[in-house]
Structures are given as structure tokens and as C-alpha cells.
Amino acid sequence: MRVSQLVLIVLAFAFAAAAGAEKKYRPPRLNDGRPDLQGIWDHTDATPLERPAEIKTLIISKEQAAEIERGIVMRAEDRTTPTEPTEFFNARSIKPIRGSLRSSIIIEPKDGHLPGTSLFHKEIVMFGPAWVNSAYDGPEQRDSSERCLGNPASQPPHLYNPGTNLHQIVQTGATIVMAAEVMHDARVIRLNSRHAPASITSWLGDSIGWWEGDTLVVETKFFTTSDRGRRVGSFAYLISPQTVVIERFTRESENELNYVFTVEDPAYYTQPWTGETHFHRSNDRILEYACHEGNYSLTTILQAGRVRDGSLTPQKVKADE
């Protein structure tokens, strides 16, 4: 082979490598050089938190994804009556991650299930359907979302909600704010900072962040003791003041924000567990989420509980109205 031919081949490979490198997405940047994550992002992924028992692999076919989606929109009792989407719930579907459909948001452990300890399995019963359908002694027994206090869509780690999943991100050099439409929660992430004292707990936890290349990394600690169980569709998981959540936000395209999170709590989990999903850019507007102003259902639920245990009569409920 002539030297000139060899040079041409080497140049061809070099140009091909350069062209491939140019295809790698480069996010827009703010004045400080950091990636611009700002805007409104939606999370309407129907991928379940845990892998369905009948599926053994993370990557699934379109047919398997369609079957999971059918299960989501049908009532558990008869599997024939659609529950969502309606005028109140978003239409959701299993969204691909780097071109592949998945059976679970959980990617570690490999089996796609929460690695619960004995304490986890003991306490998670209180947040399952059997408990929820019988716990009417007082408002403290009811789910935090039902009480308009918190929601997995607005609390870290951010997961889906049937009703609304919009998030607005606003950046400065020292702070990033993630405002969720549901529960109108606004997370304030302090960059390159230290955590507040462990004695200060909150519904959203205490979040500090830093940049690793083009990825925003956020560590959250010190959640309130009043919000252990969080429900995501038909699944539930536990959070405590000892829980540490690590989140990684990476913009992968103009319209995709990759979201990877890891939850660690040795009391509840035998190992840290990790989930991955995507947020998608939205043109919708965030509106007021006036949960408490119209939250008459909690009063009605507790009244029904009193009627059932005989301490209140339907006639008395009607008279009080």
C-alpha cells in the first residue's frame, strides 16, 4: 500500500471520528458556562417504579410496554373500566430511555425491585391498599398527598403523579430552584454549600448541589418524620430522616433531561437502590395547585369512617352539611 493511500485512510478515519464527536449533544449554557437546565419539564412516564412479576428483564418489547400501560389505565377490580386519562389525569405512556423501553424505573438492583429490610416489609404494610382502605381513625393515618402536604412528584426523588407532573427549573450561579406544579412545592438547591443541621427536617429535605462536568448532582438529607410512606401508582416506598437521596440531572437533548437517583437508608434497604427516567420539555404553563382550598374529601372520608364504626349517623352528617 502506498504511503499516500495510507494517509488517505487515516484521514478518513479521523474525519469520521470528528463527525461522530460533533453529533454528541452540547447543551446551551448560561453566562457562567454551566448547562442551561431552565424551563418547564414534564414527567409523564408510565414506567412502573418496580418491575412487574411476570417480566424478568429491564428492556422490554413494545407489546410488553402496551400491556403494562393497559394495566395502569384500568381499575384493579375489574380491569375493564378506564381510570386515566380523564379530564383530571394526564395521559401517560412508557417513554424510551436512549431508545429502549423499560419494565421498571428501578435499574439497580438488577431484579428491578426495592431491596427492603425486615423493618421495611413490616412498615410498608401500613401504606398498602389493605391499610389505606381501612385507616380512618384520623387524618394522620391518611396519605400525605391526600392531606395536601406532600407528593412523590414534588419531593425527591421525583416520581410521577396521575394528575400533574410539571416542573419549572430556575438557575442562578449559587442556587437552583425546582418548582413543581403539584403541591406547589419549590425545592431550593444550594450549590457548593453545606447541609443544615440534622435537627432541622422538612418535607422536601435539605438539598445541596454541585456540578460534575455537565451533570448537576444533588444530595438531599433530613426528611421529616411525618412522611415515611410515599405511593407511586400501585407501589410504595419508605423515606426517613436517615435517608440520603443522590440525584443526577443531565440534559441529553433539546427536549430531554435525564434523571438518575439513588436512595440509601440502611434501616429500610439492604443496599442503595437506583432509578432512571427522563423529563421532557413542555410548552404547558404551570397553574395554581389549590389542594387545600378544595380538599373536602378528607373530611368526607373521616365522616364515612365514623359512620362505619357507628359513632356518627348518616342523618347527623346530612344535618351538619
C-alpha atoms as a PDB file:
ATOM      1  CA  MET A   1       0.000   0.000   0.000  1.00  0.00           C
ATOM      2  CA  ARG A   2       1.309   3.383  -0.937  1.00  0.00           C
ATOM      3  CA  VAL A   3       2.018   5.974   1.693  1.00  0.00           C
ATOM      4  CA  SER A   4      -0.493   8.339   0.084  1.00  0.00           C
ATOM      5  CA  GLN A   5      -3.224   5.710   0.321  1.00  0.00           C
ATOM      6  CA  LEU A   6      -2.394   5.063   3.947  1.00  0.00           C
ATOM      7  CA  VAL A   7      -2.581   8.788   4.679  1.00  0.00           C
ATOM      8  CA  LEU A   8      -5.985   8.998   2.997  1.00  0.00           C
ATOM      9  CA  ILE A   9      -7.316   6.085   5.082  1.00  0.00           C
ATOM     10  CA  VAL A  10      -6.016   7.631   8.295  1.00  0.00           C
ATOM     11  CA  LEU A  11      -7.595  10.969   7.357  1.00  0.00           C
ATOM     12  CA  ALA A  12     -10.893   9.265   6.543  1.00  0.00           C
ATOM     13  CA  PHE A  13     -10.991   7.638   9.980  1.00  0.00           C
ATOM     14  CA  ALA A  14     -10.071  10.944  11.598  1.00  0.00           C
ATOM     15  CA  PHE A  15     -12.857  12.799   9.793  1.00  0.00           C
ATOM     16  CA  ALA A  16     -15.335  10.043  10.699  1.00  0.00           C
ATOM     17  CA  ALA A  17     -14.329  10.243  14.363  1.00  0.00           C
ATOM     18  CA  ALA A  18     -14.633  14.033  14.278  1.00  0.00           C
ATOM     19  CA  ALA A  19     -18.081  13.796  12.688  1.00  0.00           C
ATOM     20  CA  GLY A  20     -19.177  11.354  15.388  1.00  0.00           C
ATOM     21  CA  ALA A  21     -17.886  13.656  18.086  1.00  0.00           C
ATOM     22  CA  GLU A  22     -19.786  16.560  16.575  1.00  0.00           C
ATOM     23  CA  LYS A  23     -23.031  14.601  16.891  1.00  0.00           C
ATOM     24  CA  LYS A  24     -22.724  14.466  20.669  1.00  0.00           C
ATOM     25  CA  TYR A  25     -25.280  16.837  22.138  1.00  0.00           C
ATOM     26  CA  ARG A  26     -23.920  20.017  23.660  1.00  0.00           C
ATOM     27  CA  PRO A  27     -26.431  21.765  25.911  1.00  0.00           C
ATOM     28  CA  PRO A  28     -26.883  25.542  25.777  1.00  0.00           C
ATOM     29  CA  ARG A  29     -25.009  27.364  28.504  1.00  0.00           C
ATOM     30  CA  LEU A  30     -25.560  30.253  30.854  1.00  0.00           C
ATOM     31  CA  ASN A  31     -23.124  33.108  31.336  1.00  0.00           C
ATOM     32  CA  ASP A  32     -21.212  31.123  33.975  1.00  0.00           C
ATOM     33  CA  GLY A  33     -20.585  28.331  31.464  1.00  0.00           C
ATOM     34  CA  ARG A  34     -22.877  25.825  33.140  1.00  0.00           C
ATOM     35  CA  PRO A  35     -25.519  23.887  31.166  1.00  0.00           C
ATOM     36  CA  ASP A  36     -28.866  25.653  30.941  1.00  0.00           C
ATOM     37  CA  LEU A  37     -31.465  23.388  32.574  1.00  0.00           C
ATOM     38  CA  GLN A  38     -34.060  26.122  32.836  1.00  0.00           C
ATOM     39  CA  GLY A  39     -37.597  25.828  31.572  1.00  0.00           C
ATOM     40  CA  ILE A  40     -40.667  23.707  32.172  1.00  0.00           C
ATOM     41  CA  TRP A  41     -40.237  19.940  32.124  1.00  0.00           C
ATOM     42  CA  ASP A  42     -42.884  17.226  32.235  1.00  0.00           C
ATOM     43  CA  HIS A  43     -42.655  13.712  33.667  1.00  0.00           C
ATOM     44  CA  THR A  44     -45.489  11.650  32.226  1.00  0.00           C
ATOM     45  CA  ASP A  45     -43.591   8.369  32.082  1.00  0.00           C
ATOM     46  CA  ALA A  46     -45.803   5.348  32.789  1.00  0.00           C
ATOM     47  CA  THR A  47     -42.871   3.037  33.516  1.00  0.00           C
ATOM     48  CA  PRO A  48     -43.668   1.430  36.896  1.00  0.00           C
ATOM     49  CA  LEU A  49     -41.340   2.005  39.821  1.00  0.00           C
ATOM     50  CA  GLU A  50     -40.847  -1.747  40.322  1.00  0.00           C
ATOM     51  CA  ARG A  51     -40.736  -4.443  37.647  1.00  0.00           C
ATOM     52  CA  PRO A  52     -43.969  -6.444  37.203  1.00  0.00           C
ATOM     53  CA  ALA A  53     -43.616 -10.005  38.492  1.00  0.00           C
ATOM     54  CA  GLU A  54     -44.302 -11.560  35.095  1.00  0.00           C
ATOM     55  CA  ILE A  55     -41.407  -9.680  33.438  1.00  0.00           C
ATOM     56  CA  LYS A  56     -37.806 -10.715  34.101  1.00  0.00           C
ATOM     57  CA  THR A  57     -35.821  -8.213  32.005  1.00  0.00           C
ATOM     58  CA  LEU A  58     -35.252  -4.466  32.186  1.00  0.00           C
ATOM     59  CA  ILE A  59     -35.552  -3.910  28.421  1.00  0.00           C
ATOM     60  CA  ILE A  60     -38.973  -4.859  27.068  1.00  0.00           C
ATOM     61  CA  SER A  61     -40.807  -5.007  23.748  1.00  0.00           C
ATOM     62  CA  LYS A  62     -43.496  -2.639  22.513  1.00  0.00           C
ATOM     63  CA  GLU A  63     -46.076  -5.361  23.168  1.00  0.00           C
ATOM     64  CA  GLN A  64     -44.960  -5.769  26.784  1.00  0.00           C
ATOM     65  CA  ALA A  65     -44.994  -1.994  27.268  1.00  0.00           C
ATOM     66  CA  ALA A  66     -48.535  -1.803  25.861  1.00  0.00           C
ATOM     67  CA  GLU A  67     -49.668  -4.495  28.317  1.00  0.00           C
ATOM     68  CA  ILE A  68     -48.204  -2.564  31.266  1.00  0.00           C
ATOM     69  CA  GLU A  69     -49.914   0.604  30.047  1.00  0.00           C
ATOM     70  CA  ARG A  70     -53.265  -1.194  29.803  1.00  0.00           C
ATOM     71  CA  GLY A  71     -52.881  -2.287  33.415  1.00  0.00           C
ATOM     72  CA  ILE A  72     -52.268   1.293  34.516  1.00  0.00           C
ATOM     73  CA  VAL A  73     -55.417   2.722  32.973  1.00  0.00           C
ATOM     74  CA  MET A  74     -57.795   0.013  34.141  1.00  0.00           C
ATOM     75  CA  ARG A  75     -59.312  -0.363  37.583  1.00  0.00           C
ATOM     76  CA  ALA A  76     -57.799  -3.139  39.653  1.00  0.00           C
ATOM     77  CA  GLU A  77     -61.236  -4.595  40.481  1.00  0.00           C
ATOM     78  CA  ASP A  78     -62.478  -5.451  37.011  1.00  0.00           C
ATOM     79  CA  ARG A  79     -59.669  -4.423  34.620  1.00  0.00           C
ATOM     80  CA  THR A  80     -62.237  -3.028  32.189  1.00  0.00           C
ATOM     81  CA  THR A  81     -63.105   0.479  33.415  1.00  0.00           C
ATOM     82  CA  PRO A  82     -60.572   3.154  32.388  1.00  0.00           C
ATOM     83  CA  THR A  83     -59.373   5.377  35.228  1.00  0.00           C
ATOM     84  CA  GLU A  84     -56.971   7.558  33.264  1.00  0.00           C
ATOM     85  CA  PRO A  85     -56.523   9.606  31.213  1.00  0.00           C
ATOM     86  CA  THR A  86     -59.546  11.725  32.063  1.00  0.00           C
ATOM     87  CA  GLU A  87     -60.098  15.454  32.379  1.00  0.00           C
ATOM     88  CA  PHE A  88     -58.336  15.155  35.749  1.00  0.00           C
ATOM     89  CA  PHE A  89     -55.447  12.802  34.891  1.00  0.00           C
ATOM     90  CA  ASN A  90     -52.628  13.059  32.359  1.00  0.00           C
ATOM     91  CA  ALA A  91     -52.261  10.634  29.506  1.00  0.00           C
ATOM     92  CA  ARG A  92     -49.121   8.622  30.286  1.00  0.00           C
ATOM     93  CA  SER A  93     -47.068   6.113  28.334  1.00  0.00           C
ATOM     94  CA  ILE A  94     -43.823   4.215  28.814  1.00  0.00           C
ATOM     95  CA  LYS A  95     -41.152   6.545  27.463  1.00  0.00           C
ATOM     96  CA  PRO A  96     -37.922   5.187  25.956  1.00  0.00           C
ATOM     97  CA  ILE A  97     -34.559   5.748  27.613  1.00  0.00           C
ATOM     98  CA  ARG A  98     -31.864   6.028  24.938  1.00  0.00           C
ATOM     99  CA  GLY A  99     -34.151   4.241  22.517  1.00  0.00           C
ATOM    100  CA  SER A 100     -35.207   1.337  24.770  1.00  0.00           C
ATOM    101  CA  LEU A 101     -38.469   0.713  26.617  1.00  0.00           C
ATOM    102  CA  ARG A 102     -38.110  -0.440  30.207  1.00  0.00           C
ATOM    103  CA  SER A 103     -40.118  -2.539  32.636  1.00  0.00           C
ATOM    104  CA  SER A 104     -39.159  -0.528  35.732  1.00  0.00           C
ATOM    105  CA  ILE A 105     -37.724   2.792  36.803  1.00  0.00           C
ATOM    106  CA  ILE A 106     -35.512   0.853  39.220  1.00  0.00           C
ATOM    107  CA  ILE A 107     -32.331  -0.220  37.413  1.00  0.00           C
ATOM    108  CA  GLU A 108     -30.365  -1.335  40.481  1.00  0.00           C
ATOM    109  CA  PRO A 109     -30.815  -3.941  41.974  1.00  0.00           C
ATOM    110  CA  LYS A 110     -30.915  -5.788  38.689  1.00  0.00           C
ATOM    111  CA  ASP A 111     -34.200  -7.518  39.515  1.00  0.00           C
ATOM    112  CA  GLY A 112     -35.990  -4.150  39.457  1.00  0.00           C
ATOM    113  CA  HIS A 113     -37.387  -4.447  42.985  1.00  0.00           C
ATOM    114  CA  LEU A 114     -36.920  -2.487  46.200  1.00  0.00           C
ATOM    115  CA  PRO A 115     -34.286  -4.230  48.381  1.00  0.00           C
ATOM    116  CA  GLY A 116     -36.286  -3.930  51.589  1.00  0.00           C
ATOM    117  CA  THR A 117     -35.072  -4.950  55.035  1.00  0.00           C
ATOM    118  CA  SER A 118     -37.304  -6.741  57.563  1.00  0.00           C
ATOM    119  CA  LEU A 119     -38.206  -3.335  59.021  1.00  0.00           C
ATOM    120  CA  PHE A 120     -39.209  -2.121  55.550  1.00  0.00           C
ATOM    121  CA  HIS A 121     -41.521  -5.089  54.992  1.00  0.00           C
ATOM    122  CA  LYS A 122     -43.051  -4.611  58.428  1.00  0.00           C
ATOM    123  CA  GLU A 123     -43.791  -0.911  57.978  1.00  0.00           C
ATOM    124  CA  ILE A 124     -44.671  -0.834  54.274  1.00  0.00           C
ATOM    125  CA  VAL A 125     -47.865  -2.751  55.107  1.00  0.00           C
ATOM    126  CA  MET A 126     -49.236   0.484  56.567  1.00  0.00           C
ATOM    127  CA  PHE A 127     -49.040   2.091  53.124  1.00  0.00           C
ATOM    128  CA  GLY A 128     -50.510  -0.741  51.087  1.00  0.00           C
ATOM    129  CA  PRO A 129     -54.068  -0.911  49.691  1.00  0.00           C
ATOM    130  CA  ALA A 130     -55.436  -3.000  52.585  1.00  0.00           C
ATOM    131  CA  TRP A 131     -54.290  -0.434  55.152  1.00  0.00           C
ATOM    132  CA  VAL A 132     -55.270   2.614  53.105  1.00  0.00           C
ATOM    133  CA  ASN A 133     -58.767   1.223  52.650  1.00  0.00           C
ATOM    134  CA  SER A 134     -59.261   0.748  56.389  1.00  0.00           C
ATOM    135  CA  ALA A 135     -57.292   3.570  58.087  1.00  0.00           C
ATOM    136  CA  TYR A 136     -59.950   6.114  59.004  1.00  0.00           C
ATOM    137  CA  ASP A 137     -59.232   6.868  62.669  1.00  0.00           C
ATOM    138  CA  GLY A 138     -57.730  10.295  61.964  1.00  0.00           C
ATOM    139  CA  PRO A 139     -56.046  12.434  59.334  1.00  0.00           C
ATOM    140  CA  GLU A 140     -52.569  11.286  60.417  1.00  0.00           C
ATOM    141  CA  GLN A 141     -53.314   7.841  59.003  1.00  0.00           C
ATOM    142  CA  ARG A 142     -54.084   9.211  55.577  1.00  0.00           C
ATOM    143  CA  ASP A 143     -51.556   9.587  52.780  1.00  0.00           C
ATOM    144  CA  SER A 144     -49.605  12.860  52.741  1.00  0.00           C
ATOM    145  CA  SER A 145     -50.820  13.586  49.195  1.00  0.00           C
ATOM    146  CA  GLU A 146     -54.398  13.150  50.348  1.00  0.00           C
ATOM    147  CA  ARG A 147     -53.700  15.651  53.132  1.00  0.00           C
ATOM    148  CA  CYS A 148     -52.194  18.156  50.656  1.00  0.00           C
ATOM    149  CA  LEU A 149     -48.826  18.032  52.417  1.00  0.00           C
ATOM    150  CA  GLY A 150     -46.520  16.266  50.001  1.00  0.00           C
ATOM    151  CA  ASN A 151     -46.312  14.222  46.826  1.00  0.00           C
ATOM    152  CA  PRO A 152     -43.667  11.990  45.180  1.00  0.00           C
ATOM    153  CA  ALA A 153     -43.873  14.217  42.108  1.00  0.00           C
ATOM    154  CA  SER A 154     -42.653  17.229  44.071  1.00  0.00           C
ATOM    155  CA  GLN A 155     -40.411  15.569  46.691  1.00  0.00           C
ATOM    156  CA  PRO A 156     -37.030  13.977  45.981  1.00  0.00           C
ATOM    157  CA  PRO A 157     -36.718  11.560  44.367  1.00  0.00           C
ATOM    158  CA  HIS A 158     -39.135  12.986  41.789  1.00  0.00           C
ATOM    159  CA  LEU A 159     -41.561  10.362  40.515  1.00  0.00           C
ATOM    160  CA  TYR A 160     -44.845  10.545  38.660  1.00  0.00           C
ATOM    161  CA  ASN A 161     -48.303  11.626  39.707  1.00  0.00           C
ATOM    162  CA  PRO A 162     -51.550  10.786  37.855  1.00  0.00           C
ATOM    163  CA  GLY A 163     -52.694  14.399  37.846  1.00  0.00           C
ATOM    164  CA  THR A 164     -49.821  16.753  37.093  1.00  0.00           C
ATOM    165  CA  ASN A 165     -46.085  16.335  36.589  1.00  0.00           C
ATOM    166  CA  LEU A 166     -44.835  19.763  35.521  1.00  0.00           C
ATOM    167  CA  HIS A 167     -41.598  21.134  36.969  1.00  0.00           C
ATOM    168  CA  GLN A 168     -40.023  24.527  36.386  1.00  0.00           C
ATOM    169  CA  ILE A 169     -36.257  24.933  36.834  1.00  0.00           C
ATOM    170  CA  VAL A 170     -34.696  28.332  37.500  1.00  0.00           C
ATOM    171  CA  GLN A 171     -30.908  28.745  37.817  1.00  0.00           C
ATOM    172  CA  THR A 172     -28.507  31.253  39.303  1.00  0.00           C
ATOM    173  CA  GLY A 173     -24.823  30.865  39.988  1.00  0.00           C
ATOM    174  CA  ALA A 174     -25.428  29.944  43.628  1.00  0.00           C
ATOM    175  CA  THR A 175     -28.898  28.386  43.653  1.00  0.00           C
ATOM    176  CA  ILE A 176     -31.157  26.182  41.566  1.00  0.00           C
ATOM    177  CA  VAL A 177     -34.899  26.120  42.242  1.00  0.00           C
ATOM    178  CA  MET A 178     -37.166  23.290  41.115  1.00  0.00           C
ATOM    179  CA  ALA A 179     -40.817  24.313  41.385  1.00  0.00           C
ATOM    180  CA  ALA A 180     -43.400  21.548  40.993  1.00  0.00           C
ATOM    181  CA  GLU A 181     -46.974  22.243  39.963  1.00  0.00           C
ATOM    182  CA  VAL A 182     -48.340  19.523  42.248  1.00  0.00           C
ATOM    183  CA  MET A 183     -48.494  20.774  45.866  1.00  0.00           C
ATOM    184  CA  HIS A 184     -46.793  23.962  44.572  1.00  0.00           C
ATOM    185  CA  ASP A 185     -43.547  22.858  46.247  1.00  0.00           C
ATOM    186  CA  ALA A 186     -40.328  24.704  45.412  1.00  0.00           C
ATOM    187  CA  ARG A 187     -37.044  22.950  46.143  1.00  0.00           C
ATOM    188  CA  VAL A 188     -34.146  25.319  46.780  1.00  0.00           C
ATOM    189  CA  ILE A 189     -30.843  23.615  45.943  1.00  0.00           C
ATOM    190  CA  ARG A 190     -27.822  25.467  47.330  1.00  0.00           C
ATOM    191  CA  LEU A 191     -24.747  24.994  45.165  1.00  0.00           C
ATOM    192  CA  ASN A 192     -21.333  24.279  46.690  1.00  0.00           C
ATOM    193  CA  SER A 193     -22.783  24.588  50.168  1.00  0.00           C
ATOM    194  CA  ARG A 194     -23.039  22.585  53.384  1.00  0.00           C
ATOM    195  CA  HIS A 195     -26.090  20.868  54.825  1.00  0.00           C
ATOM    196  CA  ALA A 196     -28.189  22.472  57.532  1.00  0.00           C
ATOM    197  CA  PRO A 197     -28.078  20.793  60.973  1.00  0.00           C
ATOM    198  CA  ALA A 198     -29.623  17.321  61.107  1.00  0.00           C
ATOM    199  CA  SER A 199     -32.114  18.533  63.698  1.00  0.00           C
ATOM    200  CA  ILE A 200     -33.829  20.648  61.016  1.00  0.00           C
ATOM    201  CA  THR A 201     -36.070  18.353  58.985  1.00  0.00           C
ATOM    202  CA  SER A 202     -38.616  19.159  56.292  1.00  0.00           C
ATOM    203  CA  TRP A 203     -40.996  17.627  53.743  1.00  0.00           C
ATOM    204  CA  LEU A 204     -38.516  18.280  50.926  1.00  0.00           C
ATOM    205  CA  GLY A 205     -35.354  17.555  52.895  1.00  0.00           C
ATOM    206  CA  ASP A 206     -32.219  19.706  52.783  1.00  0.00           C
ATOM    207  CA  SER A 207     -30.668  19.827  49.295  1.00  0.00           C
ATOM    208  CA  ILE A 208     -27.161  20.871  48.281  1.00  0.00           C
ATOM    209  CA  GLY A 209     -25.728  20.524  44.782  1.00  0.00           C
ATOM    210  CA  TRP A 210     -22.613  20.687  42.671  1.00  0.00           C
ATOM    211  CA  TRP A 211     -21.610  20.204  39.043  1.00  0.00           C
ATOM    212  CA  GLU A 212     -19.722  17.188  37.744  1.00  0.00           C
ATOM    213  CA  GLY A 213     -18.985  18.195  34.180  1.00  0.00           C
ATOM    214  CA  ASP A 214     -22.360  18.854  32.562  1.00  0.00           C
ATOM    215  CA  THR A 215     -24.269  16.892  35.210  1.00  0.00           C
ATOM    216  CA  LEU A 216     -25.959  18.558  38.179  1.00  0.00           C
ATOM    217  CA  VAL A 217     -25.554  16.350  41.261  1.00  0.00           C
ATOM    218  CA  VAL A 218     -27.861  16.947  44.247  1.00  0.00           C
ATOM    219  CA  GLU A 219     -27.653  15.394  47.707  1.00  0.00           C
ATOM    220  CA  THR A 220     -30.720  15.574  49.958  1.00  0.00           C
ATOM    221  CA  LYS A 221     -30.943  14.623  53.634  1.00  0.00           C
ATOM    222  CA  PHE A 222     -33.045  15.193  56.754  1.00  0.00           C
ATOM    223  CA  PHE A 223     -36.619  14.448  55.690  1.00  0.00           C
ATOM    224  CA  THR A 224     -39.456  14.930  58.169  1.00  0.00           C
ATOM    225  CA  THR A 225     -40.529  12.086  60.453  1.00  0.00           C
ATOM    226  CA  SER A 226     -44.152  12.774  59.437  1.00  0.00           C
ATOM    227  CA  ASP A 227     -43.798  11.469  55.895  1.00  0.00           C
ATOM    228  CA  ARG A 228     -42.410   7.942  55.738  1.00  0.00           C
ATOM    229  CA  GLY A 229     -44.564   6.247  53.140  1.00  0.00           C
ATOM    230  CA  ARG A 230     -44.811   7.503  49.572  1.00  0.00           C
ATOM    231  CA  ARG A 231     -47.080   5.961  46.982  1.00  0.00           C
ATOM    232  CA  VAL A 232     -46.246   5.805  43.265  1.00  0.00           C
ATOM    233  CA  GLY A 233     -49.083   4.156  41.396  1.00  0.00           C
ATOM    234  CA  SER A 234     -49.537   0.688  42.882  1.00  0.00           C
ATOM    235  CA  PHE A 235     -46.120   0.775  44.574  1.00  0.00           C
ATOM    236  CA  ALA A 236     -44.901   2.404  47.773  1.00  0.00           C
ATOM    237  CA  TYR A 237     -41.501   3.073  49.299  1.00  0.00           C
ATOM    238  CA  LEU A 238     -40.226   4.492  52.591  1.00  0.00           C
ATOM    239  CA  ILE A 239     -38.220   7.618  53.444  1.00  0.00           C
ATOM    240  CA  SER A 240     -36.893   8.651  56.857  1.00  0.00           C
ATOM    241  CA  PRO A 241     -34.686  11.382  58.374  1.00  0.00           C
ATOM    242  CA  GLN A 242     -31.770   8.942  57.866  1.00  0.00           C
ATOM    243  CA  THR A 243     -32.437   8.589  54.144  1.00  0.00           C
ATOM    244  CA  VAL A 244     -29.938  10.085  51.695  1.00  0.00           C
ATOM    245  CA  VAL A 245     -31.057  10.768  48.108  1.00  0.00           C
ATOM    246  CA  ILE A 246     -28.491  11.471  45.379  1.00  0.00           C
ATOM    247  CA  GLU A 247     -29.895  12.853  42.107  1.00  0.00           C
ATOM    248  CA  ARG A 248     -28.141  13.448  38.787  1.00  0.00           C
ATOM    249  CA  PHE A 249     -29.660  15.751  36.155  1.00  0.00           C
ATOM    250  CA  THR A 250     -28.114  15.702  32.670  1.00  0.00           C
ATOM    251  CA  ARG A 251     -29.540  17.409  29.610  1.00  0.00           C
ATOM    252  CA  GLU A 252     -29.323  14.887  26.756  1.00  0.00           C
ATOM    253  CA  SER A 253     -31.087  16.833  24.011  1.00  0.00           C
ATOM    254  CA  GLU A 254     -33.131  19.954  23.446  1.00  0.00           C
ATOM    255  CA  ASN A 255     -36.173  18.186  24.824  1.00  0.00           C
ATOM    256  CA  GLU A 256     -34.827  15.507  27.198  1.00  0.00           C
ATOM    257  CA  LEU A 257     -33.470  15.791  30.727  1.00  0.00           C
ATOM    258  CA  ASN A 258     -32.045  12.527  32.033  1.00  0.00           C
ATOM    259  CA  TYR A 259     -32.781  11.881  35.701  1.00  0.00           C
ATOM    260  CA  VAL A 260     -30.928   9.264  37.750  1.00  0.00           C
ATOM    261  CA  PHE A 261     -31.415   8.954  41.508  1.00  0.00           C
ATOM    262  CA  THR A 262     -30.147   6.703  44.279  1.00  0.00           C
ATOM    263  CA  VAL A 263     -31.880   6.159  47.627  1.00  0.00           C
ATOM    264  CA  GLU A 264     -29.870   4.928  50.607  1.00  0.00           C
ATOM    265  CA  ASP A 265     -31.141   4.068  54.095  1.00  0.00           C
ATOM    266  CA  PRO A 266     -29.621   1.014  55.836  1.00  0.00           C
ATOM    267  CA  ALA A 267     -32.623   0.745  58.178  1.00  0.00           C
ATOM    268  CA  TYR A 268     -35.065   0.276  55.306  1.00  0.00           C
ATOM    269  CA  TYR A 269     -32.937  -1.101  52.461  1.00  0.00           C
ATOM    270  CA  THR A 270     -30.322  -3.838  52.306  1.00  0.00           C
ATOM    271  CA  GLN A 271     -28.467  -1.825  49.656  1.00  0.00           C
ATOM    272  CA  PRO A 272     -28.874   1.521  47.882  1.00  0.00           C
ATOM    273  CA  TRP A 273     -31.393   1.396  45.039  1.00  0.00           C
ATOM    274  CA  THR A 274     -31.207   3.423  41.843  1.00  0.00           C
ATOM    275  CA  GLY A 275     -33.823   4.583  39.364  1.00  0.00           C
ATOM    276  CA  GLU A 276     -33.610   6.257  35.974  1.00  0.00           C
ATOM    277  CA  THR A 277     -36.186   8.167  33.960  1.00  0.00           C
ATOM    278  CA  HIS A 278     -36.478  11.198  31.666  1.00  0.00           C
ATOM    279  CA  PHE A 279     -38.136  14.584  31.925  1.00  0.00           C
ATOM    280  CA  HIS A 280     -39.372  16.103  28.645  1.00  0.00           C
ATOM    281  CA  ARG A 281     -39.588  19.769  27.748  1.00  0.00           C
ATOM    282  CA  SER A 282     -43.131  21.117  27.854  1.00  0.00           C
ATOM    283  CA  ASN A 283     -44.896  24.135  26.426  1.00  0.00           C
ATOM    284  CA  ASP A 284     -47.604  23.964  29.095  1.00  0.00           C
ATOM    285  CA  ARG A 285     -47.949  26.591  31.797  1.00  0.00           C
ATOM    286  CA  ILE A 286     -47.739  25.834  35.488  1.00  0.00           C
ATOM    287  CA  LEU A 287     -51.029  26.733  37.145  1.00  0.00           C
ATOM    288  CA  GLU A 288     -52.080  27.124  40.769  1.00  0.00           C
ATOM    289  CA  TYR A 289     -52.471  23.843  42.616  1.00  0.00           C
ATOM    290  CA  ALA A 290     -55.090  24.799  45.206  1.00  0.00           C
ATOM    291  CA  CYS A 291     -55.278  21.478  47.001  1.00  0.00           C
ATOM    292  CA  HIS A 292     -56.331  22.642  50.459  1.00  0.00           C
ATOM    293  CA  GLU A 293     -58.860  25.160  49.190  1.00  0.00           C
ATOM    294  CA  GLY A 294     -60.921  22.373  47.671  1.00  0.00           C
ATOM    295  CA  ASN A 295     -59.856  19.435  49.794  1.00  0.00           C
ATOM    296  CA  TYR A 296     -63.285  18.455  51.093  1.00  0.00           C
ATOM    297  CA  SER A 297     -62.575  14.773  50.515  1.00  0.00           C
ATOM    298  CA  LEU A 298     -60.547  14.320  53.711  1.00  0.00           C
ATOM    299  CA  THR A 299     -63.465  15.490  55.871  1.00  0.00           C
ATOM    300  CA  THR A 300     -65.847  13.256  53.937  1.00  0.00           C
ATOM    301  CA  ILE A 301     -63.544  10.232  54.242  1.00  0.00           C
ATOM    302  CA  LEU A 302     -63.276  10.626  58.009  1.00  0.00           C
ATOM    303  CA  GLN A 303     -67.035  11.175  58.327  1.00  0.00           C
ATOM    304  CA  ALA A 304     -67.598   7.945  56.435  1.00  0.00           C
ATOM    305  CA  GLY A 305     -65.225   6.230  58.849  1.00  0.00           C
ATOM    306  CA  ARG A 306     -67.287   7.473  61.793  1.00  0.00           C
ATOM    307  CA  VAL A 307     -70.485   6.266  60.141  1.00  0.00           C
ATOM    308  CA  ARG A 308     -68.935   2.864  59.584  1.00  0.00           C
ATOM    309  CA  ASP A 309     -67.797   2.474  63.198  1.00  0.00           C
ATOM    310  CA  GLY A 310     -71.201   3.675  64.450  1.00  0.00           C
ATOM    311  CA  SER A 311     -70.092   6.863  66.196  1.00  0.00           C
ATOM    312  CA  LEU A 312     -71.855   9.031  63.627  1.00  0.00           C
ATOM    313  CA  THR A 313     -75.099   8.558  61.710  1.00  0.00           C
ATOM    314  CA  PRO A 314     -75.740   9.483  58.084  1.00  0.00           C
ATOM    315  CA  GLN A 315     -78.557  11.713  59.300  1.00  0.00           C
ATOM    316  CA  LYS A 316     -76.167  13.645  61.520  1.00  0.00           C
ATOM    317  CA  VAL A 317     -73.727  14.092  58.623  1.00  0.00           C
ATOM    318  CA  LYS A 318     -76.550  15.395  56.455  1.00  0.00           C
ATOM    319  CA  ALA A 319     -77.700  17.793  59.191  1.00  0.00           C
ATOM    320  CA  ASP A 320     -74.185  19.175  59.660  1.00  0.00           C
ATOM    321  CA  GLU A 321     -73.980  19.935  55.939  1.00  0.00           C
END
